[in-house]
Amino acid sequence: MTDYILSEVTLARYKRISTASIATQLYKRGLRNQFIQGVRPVSKKAENMVGQAFTLRYLPAREDRNTLDVFRNPEHPQRVAVETCPPGQILVMDARGDASAATAGSILITRLQVRGCAGVVSDGGFRDFEGIGELDMPAYCAGPSAPTNLTKHEAMERNIPVACGGVAVFPGDVLVGDGDGVMVIPAHLADEIAEVCSGMESFEAFVLEEVLAGTPIIGLYPCTKEENQKKFENWQRERGQ
């Protein structure tokens, strides 16, 4: 667990920052494995998914433990996770990268949306894929999968360190999701990365304008020519940045 609380300023910054920019800044700090592999957005959303991680770990299902009767238990870990993931946070599910059965469906994920959660990420499958895609809340998974979670997954611990898509996710880490996928940012770096990336996004917008205008990429990206640095500074001033 972490005492870090995502501020409104940092959250707003991440809403505008690409996962690619975040990956570059984490790489510069020696963190090269923070992109959750094998998951994709169920549907495109107008803005990034941003929130802190609340986790659920699945084990491989064992047939004598995973009959439909387990859902009669009011303390079933999957259901409890849906009802206790805090508003503004993201439910992250560790399904060992196995999408041959669902880890949740549209009813449970609708419940997360109604409760004010910021998103859901699973390296397993989702059932009712189209229904989930119609929700306002962002959702990421490894693909559609009709079989119930009990077929392959037994929900176990909540809010512990997990692996999702090959990435270690600790409760309270900051997740940012866009059309490319999901980055995991260690909580202690979240504010710093957001601040640096905000400037990086501005520079890349300038670079794109220059490239479209015919400027050669050498000496522009990365910026190794003083003339390009001066052009960028003028570009910033013109836009009040």
C-alpha atoms as a PDB file:
ATOM      1  CA  MET A   1       0.000   0.000   0.000  1.00  0.00           C
ATOM      2  CA  THR A   2       1.056   3.588  -0.517  1.00  0.00           C
ATOM      3  CA  ASP A   3       0.097   6.828   1.172  1.00  0.00           C
ATOM      4  CA  TYR A   4       0.219   8.622  -2.171  1.00  0.00           C
ATOM      5  CA  ILE A   5      -3.000  10.347  -3.255  1.00  0.00           C
ATOM      6  CA  LEU A   6      -3.376  11.378  -6.882  1.00  0.00           C
ATOM      7  CA  SER A   7      -3.951  15.140  -6.969  1.00  0.00           C
ATOM      8  CA  GLU A   8      -6.421  16.861  -9.263  1.00  0.00           C
ATOM      9  CA  VAL A   9      -3.514  18.694 -10.951  1.00  0.00           C
ATOM     10  CA  THR A  10      -1.626  15.495 -11.747  1.00  0.00           C
ATOM     11  CA  LEU A  11      -4.807  13.709 -12.820  1.00  0.00           C
ATOM     12  CA  ALA A  12      -5.663  16.540 -15.228  1.00  0.00           C
ATOM     13  CA  ARG A  13      -2.171  16.426 -16.696  1.00  0.00           C
ATOM     14  CA  TYR A  14      -2.358  12.684 -17.326  1.00  0.00           C
ATOM     15  CA  LYS A  15      -5.669  13.136 -19.122  1.00  0.00           C
ATOM     16  CA  ARG A  16      -3.671  14.890 -21.876  1.00  0.00           C
ATOM     17  CA  ILE A  17      -0.474  12.786 -21.879  1.00  0.00           C
ATOM     18  CA  SER A  18       0.119   9.823 -24.176  1.00  0.00           C
ATOM     19  CA  THR A  19       1.314   6.465 -22.911  1.00  0.00           C
ATOM     20  CA  ALA A  20       4.195   6.804 -25.378  1.00  0.00           C
ATOM     21  CA  SER A  21       5.452   9.957 -23.638  1.00  0.00           C
ATOM     22  CA  ILE A  22       5.144   8.270 -20.247  1.00  0.00           C
ATOM     23  CA  ALA A  23       7.070   5.233 -21.502  1.00  0.00           C
ATOM     24  CA  THR A  24       9.930   7.446 -22.685  1.00  0.00           C
ATOM     25  CA  GLN A  25      10.220   9.272 -19.369  1.00  0.00           C
ATOM     26  CA  LEU A  26      10.101   6.027 -17.363  1.00  0.00           C
ATOM     27  CA  TYR A  27      12.764   4.583 -19.678  1.00  0.00           C
ATOM     28  CA  LYS A  28      15.021   7.544 -18.880  1.00  0.00           C
ATOM     29  CA  ARG A  29      14.664   6.615 -15.205  1.00  0.00           C
ATOM     30  CA  GLY A  30      15.583   2.987 -15.823  1.00  0.00           C
ATOM     31  CA  LEU A  31      12.029   1.580 -15.845  1.00  0.00           C
ATOM     32  CA  ARG A  32      11.542  -0.413 -19.032  1.00  0.00           C
ATOM     33  CA  ASN A  33       8.698  -2.792 -18.233  1.00  0.00           C
ATOM     34  CA  GLN A  34       5.740  -0.614 -17.275  1.00  0.00           C
ATOM     35  CA  PHE A  35       3.484  -1.141 -20.315  1.00  0.00           C
ATOM     36  CA  ILE A  36       0.812  -3.785 -19.728  1.00  0.00           C
ATOM     37  CA  GLN A  37       1.268  -6.247 -22.583  1.00  0.00           C
ATOM     38  CA  GLY A  38      -1.555  -7.912 -24.448  1.00  0.00           C
ATOM     39  CA  VAL A  39      -4.444  -5.666 -23.401  1.00  0.00           C
ATOM     40  CA  ARG A  40      -6.407  -3.239 -25.524  1.00  0.00           C
ATOM     41  CA  PRO A  41      -9.252  -0.811 -24.999  1.00  0.00           C
ATOM     42  CA  VAL A  42     -12.660  -2.399 -25.389  1.00  0.00           C
ATOM     43  CA  SER A  43     -13.758   0.789 -27.148  1.00  0.00           C
ATOM     44  CA  LYS A  44     -12.298   4.199 -27.865  1.00  0.00           C
ATOM     45  CA  LYS A  45     -12.985   6.917 -25.287  1.00  0.00           C
ATOM     46  CA  ALA A  46     -12.798  10.694 -25.556  1.00  0.00           C
ATOM     47  CA  GLU A  47     -10.089  11.012 -22.913  1.00  0.00           C
ATOM     48  CA  ASN A  48      -7.448   8.963 -21.150  1.00  0.00           C
ATOM     49  CA  MET A  49      -8.198   6.566 -18.342  1.00  0.00           C
ATOM     50  CA  VAL A  50      -6.389   7.800 -15.204  1.00  0.00           C
ATOM     51  CA  GLY A  51      -6.509   6.488 -11.661  1.00  0.00           C
ATOM     52  CA  GLN A  52      -4.754   4.600  -8.913  1.00  0.00           C
ATOM     53  CA  ALA A  53      -4.678   0.813  -8.858  1.00  0.00           C
ATOM     54  CA  PHE A  54      -6.943  -1.386  -6.739  1.00  0.00           C
ATOM     55  CA  THR A  55      -6.038  -4.988  -7.458  1.00  0.00           C
ATOM     56  CA  LEU A  56      -7.566  -8.467  -7.641  1.00  0.00           C
ATOM     57  CA  ARG A  57      -5.560 -11.661  -8.117  1.00  0.00           C
ATOM     58  CA  TYR A  58      -6.906 -14.808  -9.784  1.00  0.00           C
ATOM     59  CA  LEU A  59      -5.515 -18.335  -9.408  1.00  0.00           C
ATOM     60  CA  PRO A  60      -6.040 -21.114 -11.946  1.00  0.00           C
ATOM     61  CA  ALA A  61      -9.470 -22.584 -11.218  1.00  0.00           C
ATOM     62  CA  ARG A  62      -9.730 -26.009  -9.592  1.00  0.00           C
ATOM     63  CA  GLU A  63     -12.964 -27.778 -10.474  1.00  0.00           C
ATOM     64  CA  ASP A  64     -13.909 -28.869  -6.952  1.00  0.00           C
ATOM     65  CA  ARG A  65     -13.672 -25.269  -5.730  1.00  0.00           C
ATOM     66  CA  ASN A  66     -15.353 -23.371  -8.551  1.00  0.00           C
ATOM     67  CA  THR A  67     -18.959 -24.426  -9.037  1.00  0.00           C
ATOM     68  CA  LEU A  68     -21.682 -21.847  -9.718  1.00  0.00           C
ATOM     69  CA  ASP A  69     -22.685 -22.111  -6.064  1.00  0.00           C
ATOM     70  CA  VAL A  70     -19.646 -20.057  -5.019  1.00  0.00           C
ATOM     71  CA  PHE A  71     -21.494 -16.914  -6.146  1.00  0.00           C
ATOM     72  CA  ARG A  72     -23.990 -17.474  -3.309  1.00  0.00           C
ATOM     73  CA  ASN A  73     -21.190 -16.496  -0.925  1.00  0.00           C
ATOM     74  CA  PRO A  74     -21.560 -12.764  -0.100  1.00  0.00           C
ATOM     75  CA  GLU A  75     -17.808 -12.689   0.521  1.00  0.00           C
ATOM     76  CA  HIS A  76     -16.863 -13.966  -2.942  1.00  0.00           C
ATOM     77  CA  PRO A  77     -13.611 -12.053  -3.692  1.00  0.00           C
ATOM     78  CA  GLN A  78     -14.579 -10.975  -7.205  1.00  0.00           C
ATOM     79  CA  ARG A  79     -17.890  -9.497  -6.067  1.00  0.00           C
ATOM     80  CA  VAL A  80     -16.312  -7.893  -3.010  1.00  0.00           C
ATOM     81  CA  ALA A  81     -13.604  -6.328  -5.206  1.00  0.00           C
ATOM     82  CA  VAL A  82     -16.295  -4.737  -7.381  1.00  0.00           C
ATOM     83  CA  GLU A  83     -18.064  -3.367  -4.292  1.00  0.00           C
ATOM     84  CA  THR A  84     -14.920  -2.085  -2.550  1.00  0.00           C
ATOM     85  CA  CYS A  85     -12.805  -0.610  -5.354  1.00  0.00           C
ATOM     86  CA  PRO A  86     -12.787   3.070  -4.305  1.00  0.00           C
ATOM     87  CA  PRO A  87     -14.382   5.732  -6.512  1.00  0.00           C
ATOM     88  CA  GLY A  88     -11.771   7.270  -8.787  1.00  0.00           C
ATOM     89  CA  GLN A  89      -9.590   4.162  -8.731  1.00  0.00           C
ATOM     90  CA  ILE A  90      -9.051   1.434 -11.332  1.00  0.00           C
ATOM     91  CA  LEU A  91      -9.727  -2.251 -10.728  1.00  0.00           C
ATOM     92  CA  VAL A  92      -6.681  -4.166 -12.033  1.00  0.00           C
ATOM     93  CA  MET A  93      -7.120  -7.932 -12.430  1.00  0.00           C
ATOM     94  CA  ASP A  94      -4.295 -10.442 -12.602  1.00  0.00           C
ATOM     95  CA  ALA A  95      -5.540 -13.358 -14.726  1.00  0.00           C
ATOM     96  CA  ARG A  96      -2.075 -14.677 -15.605  1.00  0.00           C
ATOM     97  CA  GLY A  97      -2.583 -13.489 -19.187  1.00  0.00           C
ATOM     98  CA  ASP A  98      -5.238 -16.157 -19.799  1.00  0.00           C
ATOM     99  CA  ALA A  99      -8.098 -14.791 -21.890  1.00  0.00           C
ATOM    100  CA  SER A 100      -9.754 -18.174 -22.484  1.00  0.00           C
ATOM    101  CA  ALA A 101     -12.329 -17.285 -19.814  1.00  0.00           C
ATOM    102  CA  ALA A 102     -13.838 -14.004 -18.665  1.00  0.00           C
ATOM    103  CA  THR A 103     -12.646 -12.134 -15.581  1.00  0.00           C
ATOM    104  CA  ALA A 104     -15.790  -9.966 -15.539  1.00  0.00           C
ATOM    105  CA  GLY A 105     -18.818  -9.095 -17.638  1.00  0.00           C
ATOM    106  CA  SER A 106     -20.959  -6.083 -18.402  1.00  0.00           C
ATOM    107  CA  ILE A 107     -23.031  -6.250 -15.195  1.00  0.00           C
ATOM    108  CA  LEU A 108     -20.041  -6.156 -12.859  1.00  0.00           C
ATOM    109  CA  ILE A 109     -18.278  -3.509 -14.913  1.00  0.00           C
ATOM    110  CA  THR A 110     -21.450  -1.428 -15.066  1.00  0.00           C
ATOM    111  CA  ARG A 111     -21.496  -1.614 -11.275  1.00  0.00           C
ATOM    112  CA  LEU A 112     -17.938  -0.244 -11.192  1.00  0.00           C
ATOM    113  CA  GLN A 113     -19.036   2.658 -13.395  1.00  0.00           C
ATOM    114  CA  VAL A 114     -22.075   3.405 -11.216  1.00  0.00           C
ATOM    115  CA  ARG A 115     -19.848   3.398  -8.136  1.00  0.00           C
ATOM    116  CA  GLY A 116     -17.617   6.059  -9.728  1.00  0.00           C
ATOM    117  CA  CYS A 117     -14.556   3.951 -10.478  1.00  0.00           C
ATOM    118  CA  ALA A 118     -12.150   5.312 -13.088  1.00  0.00           C
ATOM    119  CA  GLY A 119     -11.701   2.138 -15.131  1.00  0.00           C
ATOM    120  CA  VAL A 120     -10.960  -1.570 -15.221  1.00  0.00           C
ATOM    121  CA  VAL A 121      -7.954  -3.478 -16.597  1.00  0.00           C
ATOM    122  CA  SER A 122      -7.559  -7.244 -16.971  1.00  0.00           C
ATOM    123  CA  ASP A 123      -4.977  -9.366 -18.747  1.00  0.00           C
ATOM    124  CA  GLY A 124      -7.753 -11.964 -19.095  1.00  0.00           C
ATOM    125  CA  GLY A 125     -10.978 -11.789 -21.066  1.00  0.00           C
ATOM    126  CA  PHE A 126     -14.297  -9.946 -20.690  1.00  0.00           C
ATOM    127  CA  ARG A 127     -17.700 -11.356 -21.570  1.00  0.00           C
ATOM    128  CA  ASP A 128     -20.498  -9.120 -22.938  1.00  0.00           C
ATOM    129  CA  PHE A 129     -17.732  -7.273 -24.776  1.00  0.00           C
ATOM    130  CA  GLU A 130     -19.979  -5.007 -26.843  1.00  0.00           C
ATOM    131  CA  GLY A 131     -22.014  -3.992 -23.795  1.00  0.00           C
ATOM    132  CA  ILE A 132     -18.864  -3.055 -21.916  1.00  0.00           C
ATOM    133  CA  GLY A 133     -17.729  -1.013 -24.905  1.00  0.00           C
ATOM    134  CA  GLU A 134     -20.914   1.052 -24.741  1.00  0.00           C
ATOM    135  CA  LEU A 135     -20.200   2.165 -21.174  1.00  0.00           C
ATOM    136  CA  ASP A 136     -18.678   5.575 -20.467  1.00  0.00           C
ATOM    137  CA  MET A 137     -16.018   4.080 -18.199  1.00  0.00           C
ATOM    138  CA  PRO A 138     -12.784   2.914 -19.899  1.00  0.00           C
ATOM    139  CA  ALA A 139     -12.127  -0.833 -19.919  1.00  0.00           C
ATOM    140  CA  TYR A 140      -9.058  -2.759 -21.092  1.00  0.00           C
ATOM    141  CA  CYS A 141      -8.626  -6.506 -21.476  1.00  0.00           C
ATOM    142  CA  ALA A 142      -6.932  -9.184 -23.558  1.00  0.00           C
ATOM    143  CA  GLY A 143     -10.054  -9.831 -25.638  1.00  0.00           C
ATOM    144  CA  PRO A 144     -13.671 -11.018 -25.637  1.00  0.00           C
ATOM    145  CA  SER A 145     -14.354 -14.323 -23.904  1.00  0.00           C
ATOM    146  CA  ALA A 146     -17.766 -15.878 -23.271  1.00  0.00           C
ATOM    147  CA  PRO A 147     -16.895 -18.587 -20.688  1.00  0.00           C
ATOM    148  CA  THR A 148     -17.554 -17.651 -17.064  1.00  0.00           C
ATOM    149  CA  ASN A 149     -14.525 -16.789 -14.959  1.00  0.00           C
ATOM    150  CA  LEU A 150     -15.066 -19.983 -12.942  1.00  0.00           C
ATOM    151  CA  THR A 151     -13.987 -21.993 -15.978  1.00  0.00           C
ATOM    152  CA  LYS A 152     -10.367 -20.906 -15.618  1.00  0.00           C
ATOM    153  CA  HIS A 153     -10.041 -18.390 -12.773  1.00  0.00           C
ATOM    154  CA  GLU A 154     -10.578 -18.383  -9.023  1.00  0.00           C
ATOM    155  CA  ALA A 155     -10.665 -14.915  -7.491  1.00  0.00           C
ATOM    156  CA  MET A 156      -8.401 -14.664  -4.445  1.00  0.00           C
ATOM    157  CA  GLU A 157      -6.757 -11.680  -2.726  1.00  0.00           C
ATOM    158  CA  ARG A 158      -7.704  -8.045  -3.098  1.00  0.00           C
ATOM    159  CA  ASN A 159      -5.460  -4.985  -3.046  1.00  0.00           C
ATOM    160  CA  ILE A 160      -2.120  -6.778  -2.996  1.00  0.00           C
ATOM    161  CA  PRO A 161       0.783  -6.564  -5.466  1.00  0.00           C
ATOM    162  CA  VAL A 162      -0.155  -8.418  -8.666  1.00  0.00           C
ATOM    163  CA  ALA A 163       1.164  -9.074 -12.155  1.00  0.00           C
ATOM    164  CA  CYS A 164      -0.934  -7.765 -15.035  1.00  0.00           C
ATOM    165  CA  GLY A 165       0.269  -8.236 -18.591  1.00  0.00           C
ATOM    166  CA  GLY A 166       3.773  -8.912 -17.321  1.00  0.00           C
ATOM    167  CA  VAL A 167       3.951  -5.756 -15.208  1.00  0.00           C
ATOM    168  CA  ALA A 168       4.173  -5.594 -11.423  1.00  0.00           C
ATOM    169  CA  VAL A 169       1.242  -3.485 -10.207  1.00  0.00           C
ATOM    170  CA  PHE A 170       1.204  -2.296  -6.612  1.00  0.00           C
ATOM    171  CA  PRO A 171      -1.912  -0.876  -4.948  1.00  0.00           C
ATOM    172  CA  GLY A 172      -1.834   2.888  -5.385  1.00  0.00           C
ATOM    173  CA  ASP A 173       0.296   2.895  -8.537  1.00  0.00           C
ATOM    174  CA  VAL A 174      -1.027   5.315 -11.151  1.00  0.00           C
ATOM    175  CA  LEU A 175      -2.400   3.851 -14.379  1.00  0.00           C
ATOM    176  CA  VAL A 176      -2.844   5.811 -17.590  1.00  0.00           C
ATOM    177  CA  GLY A 177      -4.657   4.259 -20.539  1.00  0.00           C
ATOM    178  CA  ASP A 178      -5.086   5.547 -24.088  1.00  0.00           C
ATOM    179  CA  GLY A 179      -5.595   4.013 -27.527  1.00  0.00           C
ATOM    180  CA  ASP A 180      -2.209   2.272 -27.380  1.00  0.00           C
ATOM    181  CA  GLY A 181      -2.788   0.580 -24.029  1.00  0.00           C
ATOM    182  CA  VAL A 182      -1.984   1.063 -20.347  1.00  0.00           C
ATOM    183  CA  MET A 183       1.137   2.353 -18.565  1.00  0.00           C
ATOM    184  CA  VAL A 184       1.805   1.719 -14.870  1.00  0.00           C
ATOM    185  CA  ILE A 185       3.564   4.568 -13.058  1.00  0.00           C
ATOM    186  CA  PRO A 186       5.059   3.915  -9.610  1.00  0.00           C
ATOM    187  CA  ALA A 187       3.272   6.152  -7.127  1.00  0.00           C
ATOM    188  CA  HIS A 188       6.443   7.894  -5.965  1.00  0.00           C
ATOM    189  CA  LEU A 189       7.161   9.041  -9.536  1.00  0.00           C
ATOM    190  CA  ALA A 190       3.626   9.986 -10.561  1.00  0.00           C
ATOM    191  CA  ASP A 191       3.786  13.750  -9.991  1.00  0.00           C
ATOM    192  CA  GLU A 192       7.271  14.089 -11.477  1.00  0.00           C
ATOM    193  CA  ILE A 193       6.436  12.112 -14.620  1.00  0.00           C
ATOM    194  CA  ALA A 194       3.225  14.095 -15.165  1.00  0.00           C
ATOM    195  CA  GLU A 195       5.055  17.417 -14.922  1.00  0.00           C
ATOM    196  CA  VAL A 196       7.884  16.400 -17.251  1.00  0.00           C
ATOM    197  CA  CYS A 197       5.554  14.793 -19.777  1.00  0.00           C
ATOM    198  CA  SER A 198       3.409  17.910 -19.975  1.00  0.00           C
ATOM    199  CA  GLY A 199       6.410  19.790 -21.353  1.00  0.00           C
ATOM    200  CA  MET A 200       7.315  16.877 -23.596  1.00  0.00           C
ATOM    201  CA  GLU A 201       3.844  16.825 -25.142  1.00  0.00           C
ATOM    202  CA  SER A 202       4.181  20.526 -26.020  1.00  0.00           C
ATOM    203  CA  PHE A 203       7.547  19.917 -27.659  1.00  0.00           C
ATOM    204  CA  GLU A 204       6.204  17.019 -29.698  1.00  0.00           C
ATOM    205  CA  ALA A 205       3.288  19.154 -30.902  1.00  0.00           C
ATOM    206  CA  PHE A 206       5.853  21.716 -32.088  1.00  0.00           C
ATOM    207  CA  VAL A 207       7.929  18.991 -33.773  1.00  0.00           C
ATOM    208  CA  LEU A 208       4.901  17.624 -35.603  1.00  0.00           C
ATOM    209  CA  GLU A 209       4.101  21.094 -36.965  1.00  0.00           C
ATOM    210  CA  GLU A 210       7.692  21.452 -38.147  1.00  0.00           C
ATOM    211  CA  VAL A 211       7.693  18.018 -39.808  1.00  0.00           C
ATOM    212  CA  LEU A 212       4.425  18.801 -41.601  1.00  0.00           C
ATOM    213  CA  ALA A 213       6.028  22.043 -42.794  1.00  0.00           C
ATOM    214  CA  GLY A 214       8.934  20.083 -44.298  1.00  0.00           C
ATOM    215  CA  THR A 215      11.621  20.474 -41.621  1.00  0.00           C
ATOM    216  CA  PRO A 216      14.149  17.577 -41.606  1.00  0.00           C
ATOM    217  CA  ILE A 217      14.011  15.359 -38.528  1.00  0.00           C
ATOM    218  CA  ILE A 218      17.787  15.367 -37.932  1.00  0.00           C
ATOM    219  CA  GLY A 219      18.608  17.991 -35.337  1.00  0.00           C
ATOM    220  CA  LEU A 220      14.910  18.508 -34.623  1.00  0.00           C
ATOM    221  CA  TYR A 221      13.934  15.307 -32.815  1.00  0.00           C
ATOM    222  CA  PRO A 222      15.754  15.044 -30.526  1.00  0.00           C
ATOM    223  CA  CYS A 223      16.521  18.734 -30.572  1.00  0.00           C
ATOM    224  CA  THR A 224      20.277  19.043 -31.085  1.00  0.00           C
ATOM    225  CA  LYS A 225      20.354  22.265 -33.093  1.00  0.00           C
ATOM    226  CA  GLU A 226      20.203  25.591 -31.284  1.00  0.00           C
ATOM    227  CA  GLU A 227      18.110  27.122 -34.054  1.00  0.00           C
ATOM    228  CA  ASN A 228      15.371  24.540 -33.442  1.00  0.00           C
ATOM    229  CA  GLN A 229      15.452  25.162 -29.692  1.00  0.00           C
ATOM    230  CA  LYS A 230      14.960  28.887 -30.335  1.00  0.00           C
ATOM    231  CA  LYS A 231      12.094  28.152 -32.723  1.00  0.00           C
ATOM    232  CA  PHE A 232      10.450  26.031 -30.033  1.00  0.00           C
ATOM    233  CA  GLU A 233      10.833  28.781 -27.426  1.00  0.00           C
ATOM    234  CA  ASN A 234       9.241  31.277 -29.809  1.00  0.00           C
ATOM    235  CA  TRP A 235       6.464  28.755 -30.523  1.00  0.00           C
ATOM    236  CA  GLN A 236       5.798  28.489 -26.782  1.00  0.00           C
ATOM    237  CA  ARG A 237       5.697  32.252 -26.307  1.00  0.00           C
ATOM    238  CA  GLU A 238       3.241  32.675 -29.155  1.00  0.00           C
ATOM    239  CA  ARG A 239       0.912  30.228 -27.401  1.00  0.00           C
ATOM    240  CA  GLY A 240       1.400  31.639 -23.920  1.00  0.00           C
ATOM    241  CA  GLN A 241       3.094  28.488 -22.618  1.00  0.00           C
END
